[in-house]
Amino acid sequence: MLHWLVELYGPFFSLHAWENVVTSGADWAIIFSLIMIECLLSVDNAVVLAAQTQKLPTLRQKEKALIYGLWGSYVMRFLMIGLGTFLIKVWWIKVVGAIYLLYLSVHFFYQRHNQQQKTGGSSKLWQAVIQIVFMDAIFSVDSILAALAVSSKPIIVLIGGLIGILVMRGVAQLILKVMRYIPELESMAYYLIAIIAVKLFLAIPQINIEIPASWFVAILIAAIGITLLIHYGKQKKARVKTTPYKQLNH
């Protein structure tokens, strides 16, 4: 058992291996390409992350969830890169992820339909952090396998993955800020989560239908465009309704 762990994680603790990677221009070029792969494969993860964080009642809790989730994801990514050679066999993790994402989407609209209020507290914060780490683990399977196909050096894969996670946290924070001004984006995010669940399920080996990341980006852009039209349409109607009352007062 100990020999197996040393074989899997030993390279991460080799100073010589780190020195070779850090001082190599060629390795940094590969790291940059891995960051791009991570970002392209993690657009759906950013949407899920923003939606999970948005349900927290205060801005401080949302920021804490992103920070704690970031460190939890770093630890999980380190463990999963070491287990990278075995990840290709655990196709069922995508089924679990798809079912859970579909549950999140259905649960959100059920609560919205029944007008249930969001509850706060530290339990909700840690629940969100656990969800963030869990979903990052599921979404990271594809990016880790893609990264290991590009480079067999675990340190390069680790650096590329960690920087990629940090970039996607920035994207999630941007989505959260926009959600404050355009609340309709929250519902849009959960519609997208349902689509992501289908996308994840179709990718299992038994079905083997891979929806390209570029298609999801196109769906995302179209969904944002439609949501903005709905938002500004509502604002225009609200202005039209209030205008007659202003004229009467004058």
C-alpha atoms as a PDB file:
ATOM      1  CA  MET A   1       0.000   0.000   0.000  1.00  0.00           C
ATOM      2  CA  LEU A   2       2.775   2.431   0.998  1.00  0.00           C
ATOM      3  CA  HIS A   3       4.769   1.556  -2.117  1.00  0.00           C
ATOM      4  CA  TRP A   4       1.673   2.232  -4.251  1.00  0.00           C
ATOM      5  CA  LEU A   5       1.163   5.675  -2.639  1.00  0.00           C
ATOM      6  CA  VAL A   6       4.843   6.576  -3.112  1.00  0.00           C
ATOM      7  CA  GLU A   7       4.630   5.554  -6.763  1.00  0.00           C
ATOM      8  CA  LEU A   8       1.503   7.690  -7.336  1.00  0.00           C
ATOM      9  CA  TYR A   9       2.432  10.816  -5.367  1.00  0.00           C
ATOM     10  CA  GLY A  10       6.227  10.625  -5.043  1.00  0.00           C
ATOM     11  CA  PRO A  11       6.913  12.866  -8.090  1.00  0.00           C
ATOM     12  CA  PHE A  12       4.998  15.752  -6.471  1.00  0.00           C
ATOM     13  CA  PHE A  13       7.503  15.861  -3.605  1.00  0.00           C
ATOM     14  CA  SER A  14      10.675  15.735  -5.709  1.00  0.00           C
ATOM     15  CA  LEU A  15      12.501  19.098  -5.574  1.00  0.00           C
ATOM     16  CA  HIS A  16      14.578  18.098  -8.592  1.00  0.00           C
ATOM     17  CA  ALA A  17      11.449  17.422 -10.644  1.00  0.00           C
ATOM     18  CA  TRP A  18       9.956  20.799  -9.644  1.00  0.00           C
ATOM     19  CA  GLU A  19      13.219  22.583 -10.534  1.00  0.00           C
ATOM     20  CA  ASN A  20      13.267  20.976 -13.991  1.00  0.00           C
ATOM     21  CA  VAL A  21       9.685  22.047 -14.709  1.00  0.00           C
ATOM     22  CA  VAL A  22       9.970  25.602 -13.332  1.00  0.00           C
ATOM     23  CA  THR A  23      13.180  26.346 -15.276  1.00  0.00           C
ATOM     24  CA  SER A  24      11.999  24.845 -18.578  1.00  0.00           C
ATOM     25  CA  GLY A  25      10.476  27.161 -21.175  1.00  0.00           C
ATOM     26  CA  ALA A  26       9.059  24.178 -23.061  1.00  0.00           C
ATOM     27  CA  ASP A  27       7.299  22.931 -19.935  1.00  0.00           C
ATOM     28  CA  TRP A  28       5.755  26.383 -19.320  1.00  0.00           C
ATOM     29  CA  ALA A  29       4.440  26.373 -22.891  1.00  0.00           C
ATOM     30  CA  ILE A  30       2.736  23.044 -22.136  1.00  0.00           C
ATOM     31  CA  ILE A  31       1.392  24.442 -18.846  1.00  0.00           C
ATOM     32  CA  PHE A  32      -0.142  27.374 -20.737  1.00  0.00           C
ATOM     33  CA  SER A  33      -1.833  24.981 -23.162  1.00  0.00           C
ATOM     34  CA  LEU A  34      -3.159  22.940 -20.204  1.00  0.00           C
ATOM     35  CA  ILE A  35      -4.615  26.101 -18.641  1.00  0.00           C
ATOM     36  CA  MET A  36      -6.449  26.779 -21.915  1.00  0.00           C
ATOM     37  CA  ILE A  37      -7.742  23.173 -21.987  1.00  0.00           C
ATOM     38  CA  GLU A  38      -8.884  23.503 -18.356  1.00  0.00           C
ATOM     39  CA  CYS A  39     -10.763  26.724 -19.119  1.00  0.00           C
ATOM     40  CA  LEU A  40     -12.427  25.349 -22.252  1.00  0.00           C
ATOM     41  CA  LEU A  41     -13.530  22.162 -20.494  1.00  0.00           C
ATOM     42  CA  SER A  42     -14.663  23.987 -17.349  1.00  0.00           C
ATOM     43  CA  VAL A  43     -17.088  26.590 -18.699  1.00  0.00           C
ATOM     44  CA  ASP A  44     -19.985  24.412 -17.525  1.00  0.00           C
ATOM     45  CA  ASN A  45     -18.273  24.021 -14.141  1.00  0.00           C
ATOM     46  CA  ALA A  46     -18.160  27.834 -13.748  1.00  0.00           C
ATOM     47  CA  VAL A  47     -21.917  28.055 -14.397  1.00  0.00           C
ATOM     48  CA  VAL A  48     -22.653  25.356 -11.786  1.00  0.00           C
ATOM     49  CA  LEU A  49     -20.246  26.977  -9.307  1.00  0.00           C
ATOM     50  CA  ALA A  50     -21.910  30.389  -9.655  1.00  0.00           C
ATOM     51  CA  ALA A  51     -25.394  28.891  -9.276  1.00  0.00           C
ATOM     52  CA  GLN A  52     -24.414  26.936  -6.143  1.00  0.00           C
ATOM     53  CA  THR A  53     -22.832  30.017  -4.561  1.00  0.00           C
ATOM     54  CA  GLN A  54     -25.671  32.373  -5.535  1.00  0.00           C
ATOM     55  CA  LYS A  55     -28.135  30.637  -3.185  1.00  0.00           C
ATOM     56  CA  LEU A  56     -26.172  31.810  -0.120  1.00  0.00           C
ATOM     57  CA  PRO A  57     -27.889  34.803   1.526  1.00  0.00           C
ATOM     58  CA  THR A  58     -24.957  37.220   2.017  1.00  0.00           C
ATOM     59  CA  LEU A  59     -22.079  38.441  -0.130  1.00  0.00           C
ATOM     60  CA  ARG A  60     -19.599  37.484   2.602  1.00  0.00           C
ATOM     61  CA  GLN A  61     -20.822  33.880   2.630  1.00  0.00           C
ATOM     62  CA  LYS A  62     -20.616  33.731  -1.165  1.00  0.00           C
ATOM     63  CA  GLU A  63     -17.003  34.940  -1.058  1.00  0.00           C
ATOM     64  CA  LYS A  64     -16.155  32.451   1.715  1.00  0.00           C
ATOM     65  CA  ALA A  65     -17.723  29.601  -0.256  1.00  0.00           C
ATOM     66  CA  LEU A  66     -15.568  30.456  -3.287  1.00  0.00           C
ATOM     67  CA  ILE A  67     -12.370  30.678  -1.191  1.00  0.00           C
ATOM     68  CA  TYR A  68     -12.960  27.502   0.849  1.00  0.00           C
ATOM     69  CA  GLY A  69     -14.177  25.696  -2.252  1.00  0.00           C
ATOM     70  CA  LEU A  70     -11.010  26.777  -4.077  1.00  0.00           C
ATOM     71  CA  TRP A  71      -8.727  25.194  -1.469  1.00  0.00           C
ATOM     72  CA  GLY A  72     -10.878  22.080  -1.273  1.00  0.00           C
ATOM     73  CA  SER A  73     -10.730  21.763  -5.062  1.00  0.00           C
ATOM     74  CA  TYR A  74      -6.936  22.148  -4.970  1.00  0.00           C
ATOM     75  CA  VAL A  75      -6.615  19.234  -2.537  1.00  0.00           C
ATOM     76  CA  MET A  76      -9.070  17.140  -4.565  1.00  0.00           C
ATOM     77  CA  ARG A  77      -7.241  17.916  -7.827  1.00  0.00           C
ATOM     78  CA  PHE A  78      -3.903  16.854  -6.292  1.00  0.00           C
ATOM     79  CA  LEU A  79      -5.412  13.523  -5.211  1.00  0.00           C
ATOM     80  CA  MET A  80      -7.156  12.936  -8.544  1.00  0.00           C
ATOM     81  CA  ILE A  81      -4.083  13.680 -10.681  1.00  0.00           C
ATOM     82  CA  GLY A  82      -2.200  11.018  -8.716  1.00  0.00           C
ATOM     83  CA  LEU A  83      -5.062   8.624  -9.490  1.00  0.00           C
ATOM     84  CA  GLY A  84      -5.258   9.789 -13.114  1.00  0.00           C
ATOM     85  CA  THR A  85      -4.452   6.405 -14.617  1.00  0.00           C
ATOM     86  CA  PHE A  86      -7.476   4.902 -12.854  1.00  0.00           C
ATOM     87  CA  LEU A  87      -9.962   7.705 -13.597  1.00  0.00           C
ATOM     88  CA  ILE A  88     -10.762   6.434 -17.065  1.00  0.00           C
ATOM     89  CA  LYS A  89     -12.364   3.355 -15.475  1.00  0.00           C
ATOM     90  CA  VAL A  90     -14.731   5.242 -13.158  1.00  0.00           C
ATOM     91  CA  TRP A  91     -17.316   6.200 -15.787  1.00  0.00           C
ATOM     92  CA  TRP A  92     -20.091   5.890 -13.203  1.00  0.00           C
ATOM     93  CA  ILE A  93     -18.934   9.089 -11.499  1.00  0.00           C
ATOM     94  CA  LYS A  94     -20.397  10.965 -14.485  1.00  0.00           C
ATOM     95  CA  VAL A  95     -23.748   9.248 -13.952  1.00  0.00           C
ATOM     96  CA  VAL A  96     -23.706  10.307 -10.282  1.00  0.00           C
ATOM     97  CA  GLY A  97     -22.800  13.855 -11.320  1.00  0.00           C
ATOM     98  CA  ALA A  98     -25.534  14.001 -13.973  1.00  0.00           C
ATOM     99  CA  ILE A  99     -28.198  12.811 -11.518  1.00  0.00           C
ATOM    100  CA  TYR A 100     -27.041  15.301  -8.891  1.00  0.00           C
ATOM    101  CA  LEU A 101     -27.039  18.221 -11.349  1.00  0.00           C
ATOM    102  CA  LEU A 102     -30.518  17.307 -12.551  1.00  0.00           C
ATOM    103  CA  TYR A 103     -31.631  17.223  -8.902  1.00  0.00           C
ATOM    104  CA  LEU A 104     -30.171  20.729  -8.342  1.00  0.00           C
ATOM    105  CA  SER A 105     -32.073  22.093 -11.337  1.00  0.00           C
ATOM    106  CA  VAL A 106     -35.410  20.457 -10.460  1.00  0.00           C
ATOM    107  CA  HIS A 107     -35.049  21.410  -6.763  1.00  0.00           C
ATOM    108  CA  PHE A 108     -34.389  25.063  -7.643  1.00  0.00           C
ATOM    109  CA  PHE A 109     -37.497  25.395  -9.816  1.00  0.00           C
ATOM    110  CA  TYR A 110     -39.586  23.447  -7.276  1.00  0.00           C
ATOM    111  CA  GLN A 111     -38.563  25.928  -4.578  1.00  0.00           C
ATOM    112  CA  ARG A 112     -39.206  28.843  -6.936  1.00  0.00           C
ATOM    113  CA  HIS A 113     -42.677  27.507  -7.814  1.00  0.00           C
ATOM    114  CA  ASN A 114     -43.558  27.024  -4.132  1.00  0.00           C
ATOM    115  CA  GLN A 115     -41.923  30.355  -3.205  1.00  0.00           C
ATOM    116  CA  GLN A 116     -39.795  28.847  -0.486  1.00  0.00           C
ATOM    117  CA  GLN A 117     -37.359  31.247   1.138  1.00  0.00           C
ATOM    118  CA  LYS A 118     -33.627  30.668   1.139  1.00  0.00           C
ATOM    119  CA  THR A 119     -32.196  29.956   4.563  1.00  0.00           C
ATOM    120  CA  GLY A 120     -28.836  31.158   5.785  1.00  0.00           C
ATOM    121  CA  GLY A 121     -26.374  30.061   8.439  1.00  0.00           C
ATOM    122  CA  SER A 122     -22.996  28.363   8.553  1.00  0.00           C
ATOM    123  CA  SER A 123     -24.547  24.977   7.678  1.00  0.00           C
ATOM    124  CA  LYS A 124     -25.632  26.376   4.300  1.00  0.00           C
ATOM    125  CA  LEU A 125     -22.124  27.779   3.745  1.00  0.00           C
ATOM    126  CA  TRP A 126     -20.390  24.448   4.341  1.00  0.00           C
ATOM    127  CA  GLN A 127     -23.032  22.633   2.338  1.00  0.00           C
ATOM    128  CA  ALA A 128     -22.207  24.932  -0.596  1.00  0.00           C
ATOM    129  CA  VAL A 129     -18.443  24.356  -0.110  1.00  0.00           C
ATOM    130  CA  ILE A 130     -18.903  20.556  -0.122  1.00  0.00           C
ATOM    131  CA  GLN A 131     -21.060  20.825  -3.264  1.00  0.00           C
ATOM    132  CA  ILE A 132     -18.414  22.974  -4.980  1.00  0.00           C
ATOM    133  CA  VAL A 133     -15.609  20.493  -4.235  1.00  0.00           C
ATOM    134  CA  PHE A 134     -17.792  17.510  -5.196  1.00  0.00           C
ATOM    135  CA  MET A 135     -18.817  19.000  -8.536  1.00  0.00           C
ATOM    136  CA  ASP A 136     -15.261  20.144  -9.315  1.00  0.00           C
ATOM    137  CA  ALA A 137     -14.095  16.558  -8.755  1.00  0.00           C
ATOM    138  CA  ILE A 138     -16.677  15.272 -11.238  1.00  0.00           C
ATOM    139  CA  PHE A 139     -15.950  17.922 -13.861  1.00  0.00           C
ATOM    140  CA  SER A 140     -12.183  17.545 -13.467  1.00  0.00           C
ATOM    141  CA  VAL A 141     -12.148  13.933 -14.739  1.00  0.00           C
ATOM    142  CA  ASP A 142     -12.204  15.009 -18.403  1.00  0.00           C
ATOM    143  CA  SER A 143      -9.675  17.815 -17.975  1.00  0.00           C
ATOM    144  CA  ILE A 144      -7.240  15.597 -16.020  1.00  0.00           C
ATOM    145  CA  LEU A 145      -7.378  12.841 -18.648  1.00  0.00           C
ATOM    146  CA  ALA A 146      -6.947  15.419 -21.430  1.00  0.00           C
ATOM    147  CA  ALA A 147      -3.998  16.965 -19.575  1.00  0.00           C
ATOM    148  CA  LEU A 148      -2.323  13.577 -19.000  1.00  0.00           C
ATOM    149  CA  ALA A 149      -2.659  12.934 -22.734  1.00  0.00           C
ATOM    150  CA  VAL A 150      -0.729  16.169 -23.401  1.00  0.00           C
ATOM    151  CA  SER A 151       1.959  15.634 -20.761  1.00  0.00           C
ATOM    152  CA  SER A 152       2.960  12.606 -18.710  1.00  0.00           C
ATOM    153  CA  LYS A 153       4.650  14.803 -16.071  1.00  0.00           C
ATOM    154  CA  PRO A 154       2.279  15.024 -13.058  1.00  0.00           C
ATOM    155  CA  ILE A 155       3.799  18.314 -11.853  1.00  0.00           C
ATOM    156  CA  ILE A 156       3.006  20.025 -15.174  1.00  0.00           C
ATOM    157  CA  VAL A 157      -0.556  18.666 -15.039  1.00  0.00           C
ATOM    158  CA  LEU A 158      -0.883  19.856 -11.426  1.00  0.00           C
ATOM    159  CA  ILE A 159       0.341  23.420 -12.128  1.00  0.00           C
ATOM    160  CA  GLY A 160      -1.870  23.732 -15.210  1.00  0.00           C
ATOM    161  CA  GLY A 161      -4.895  22.415 -13.311  1.00  0.00           C
ATOM    162  CA  LEU A 162      -4.405  24.649 -10.255  1.00  0.00           C
ATOM    163  CA  ILE A 163      -4.039  27.813 -12.343  1.00  0.00           C
ATOM    164  CA  GLY A 164      -7.020  26.751 -14.459  1.00  0.00           C
ATOM    165  CA  ILE A 165      -9.162  26.316 -11.317  1.00  0.00           C
ATOM    166  CA  LEU A 166      -8.168  29.812 -10.158  1.00  0.00           C
ATOM    167  CA  VAL A 167      -9.129  31.314 -13.537  1.00  0.00           C
ATOM    168  CA  MET A 168     -12.536  29.598 -13.471  1.00  0.00           C
ATOM    169  CA  ARG A 169     -13.157  30.938  -9.935  1.00  0.00           C
ATOM    170  CA  GLY A 170     -12.657  34.399 -11.431  1.00  0.00           C
ATOM    171  CA  VAL A 171     -15.221  33.600 -14.143  1.00  0.00           C
ATOM    172  CA  ALA A 172     -17.680  32.360 -11.486  1.00  0.00           C
ATOM    173  CA  GLN A 173     -17.202  35.566  -9.460  1.00  0.00           C
ATOM    174  CA  LEU A 174     -17.920  37.622 -12.587  1.00  0.00           C
ATOM    175  CA  ILE A 175     -21.134  35.632 -13.168  1.00  0.00           C
ATOM    176  CA  LEU A 176     -22.145  36.233  -9.528  1.00  0.00           C
ATOM    177  CA  LYS A 177     -21.627  40.006  -9.857  1.00  0.00           C
ATOM    178  CA  VAL A 178     -23.732  40.143 -13.011  1.00  0.00           C
ATOM    179  CA  MET A 179     -26.455  38.073 -11.284  1.00  0.00           C
ATOM    180  CA  ARG A 180     -26.863  40.843  -8.701  1.00  0.00           C
ATOM    181  CA  TYR A 181     -27.967  43.270 -11.402  1.00  0.00           C
ATOM    182  CA  ILE A 182     -29.782  40.771 -13.649  1.00  0.00           C
ATOM    183  CA  PRO A 183     -31.586  38.297 -11.325  1.00  0.00           C
ATOM    184  CA  GLU A 184     -33.055  36.391 -14.308  1.00  0.00           C
ATOM    185  CA  LEU A 185     -29.574  34.955 -14.866  1.00  0.00           C
ATOM    186  CA  GLU A 186     -30.035  32.705 -11.821  1.00  0.00           C
ATOM    187  CA  SER A 187     -32.940  30.864 -13.479  1.00  0.00           C
ATOM    188  CA  MET A 188     -30.946  30.729 -16.719  1.00  0.00           C
ATOM    189  CA  ALA A 189     -28.058  29.105 -14.838  1.00  0.00           C
ATOM    190  CA  TYR A 190     -30.314  26.306 -13.580  1.00  0.00           C
ATOM    191  CA  TYR A 191     -31.722  25.685 -17.068  1.00  0.00           C
ATOM    192  CA  LEU A 192     -28.101  25.353 -18.199  1.00  0.00           C
ATOM    193  CA  ILE A 193     -27.376  22.994 -15.302  1.00  0.00           C
ATOM    194  CA  ALA A 194     -30.097  20.671 -16.619  1.00  0.00           C
ATOM    195  CA  ILE A 195     -28.454  20.803 -20.068  1.00  0.00           C
ATOM    196  CA  ILE A 196     -25.054  20.112 -18.458  1.00  0.00           C
ATOM    197  CA  ALA A 197     -26.541  17.067 -16.694  1.00  0.00           C
ATOM    198  CA  VAL A 198     -27.654  15.653 -20.057  1.00  0.00           C
ATOM    199  CA  LYS A 199     -24.232  16.494 -21.558  1.00  0.00           C
ATOM    200  CA  LEU A 200     -22.452  14.684 -18.725  1.00  0.00           C
ATOM    201  CA  PHE A 201     -24.675  11.613 -18.969  1.00  0.00           C
ATOM    202  CA  LEU A 202     -24.267  11.315 -22.750  1.00  0.00           C
ATOM    203  CA  ALA A 203     -20.477  11.244 -22.307  1.00  0.00           C
ATOM    204  CA  ILE A 204     -20.428   7.886 -20.471  1.00  0.00           C
ATOM    205  CA  PRO A 205     -18.755   5.074 -22.493  1.00  0.00           C
ATOM    206  CA  GLN A 206     -21.999   3.141 -22.926  1.00  0.00           C
ATOM    207  CA  ILE A 207     -23.511   6.062 -24.887  1.00  0.00           C
ATOM    208  CA  ASN A 208     -20.313   7.846 -25.971  1.00  0.00           C
ATOM    209  CA  ILE A 209     -21.884  11.029 -27.361  1.00  0.00           C
ATOM    210  CA  GLU A 210     -19.473  13.861 -26.636  1.00  0.00           C
ATOM    211  CA  ILE A 211     -20.941  17.350 -26.996  1.00  0.00           C
ATOM    212  CA  PRO A 212     -18.035  19.659 -27.946  1.00  0.00           C
ATOM    213  CA  ALA A 213     -17.134  22.430 -25.511  1.00  0.00           C
ATOM    214  CA  SER A 214     -17.591  24.949 -28.351  1.00  0.00           C
ATOM    215  CA  TRP A 215     -21.263  23.898 -28.645  1.00  0.00           C
ATOM    216  CA  PHE A 216     -21.834  24.520 -24.962  1.00  0.00           C
ATOM    217  CA  VAL A 217     -20.174  27.940 -25.200  1.00  0.00           C
ATOM    218  CA  ALA A 218     -22.540  28.761 -28.106  1.00  0.00           C
ATOM    219  CA  ILE A 219     -25.536  27.595 -26.015  1.00  0.00           C
ATOM    220  CA  LEU A 220     -24.272  29.693 -23.093  1.00  0.00           C
ATOM    221  CA  ILE A 221     -23.940  32.837 -25.236  1.00  0.00           C
ATOM    222  CA  ALA A 222     -27.415  32.288 -26.748  1.00  0.00           C
ATOM    223  CA  ALA A 223     -28.932  31.745 -23.267  1.00  0.00           C
ATOM    224  CA  ILE A 224     -27.327  34.942 -21.955  1.00  0.00           C
ATOM    225  CA  GLY A 225     -28.630  36.869 -24.978  1.00  0.00           C
ATOM    226  CA  ILE A 226     -32.195  35.578 -24.481  1.00  0.00           C
ATOM    227  CA  THR A 227     -32.024  36.297 -20.734  1.00  0.00           C
ATOM    228  CA  LEU A 228     -30.866  39.875 -21.356  1.00  0.00           C
ATOM    229  CA  LEU A 229     -33.746  40.411 -23.798  1.00  0.00           C
ATOM    230  CA  ILE A 230     -36.211  39.116 -21.174  1.00  0.00           C
ATOM    231  CA  HIS A 231     -34.651  41.314 -18.463  1.00  0.00           C
ATOM    232  CA  TYR A 232     -34.702  44.537 -20.465  1.00  0.00           C
ATOM    233  CA  GLY A 233     -38.173  43.674 -21.788  1.00  0.00           C
ATOM    234  CA  LYS A 234     -39.422  43.477 -18.182  1.00  0.00           C
ATOM    235  CA  GLN A 235     -37.715  46.762 -17.333  1.00  0.00           C
ATOM    236  CA  LYS A 236     -39.317  48.470 -20.328  1.00  0.00           C
ATOM    237  CA  LYS A 237     -42.788  47.225 -19.331  1.00  0.00           C
ATOM    238  CA  ALA A 238     -42.227  48.422 -15.761  1.00  0.00           C
ATOM    239  CA  ARG A 239     -41.270  51.903 -17.018  1.00  0.00           C
ATOM    240  CA  VAL A 240     -44.348  52.025 -19.264  1.00  0.00           C
ATOM    241  CA  LYS A 241     -46.603  51.133 -16.303  1.00  0.00           C
ATOM    242  CA  THR A 242     -45.119  53.804 -14.035  1.00  0.00           C
ATOM    243  CA  THR A 243     -45.105  56.605 -16.654  1.00  0.00           C
ATOM    244  CA  PRO A 244     -48.911  57.326 -16.603  1.00  0.00           C
ATOM    245  CA  TYR A 245     -48.851  57.729 -12.815  1.00  0.00           C
ATOM    246  CA  LYS A 246     -45.987  60.222 -13.043  1.00  0.00           C
ATOM    247  CA  GLN A 247     -47.885  62.211 -15.692  1.00  0.00           C
ATOM    248  CA  LEU A 248     -51.027  62.308 -13.528  1.00  0.00           C
ATOM    249  CA  ASN A 249     -49.045  63.638 -10.576  1.00  0.00           C
ATOM    250  CA  HIS A 250     -47.754  66.470 -12.720  1.00  0.00           C
END
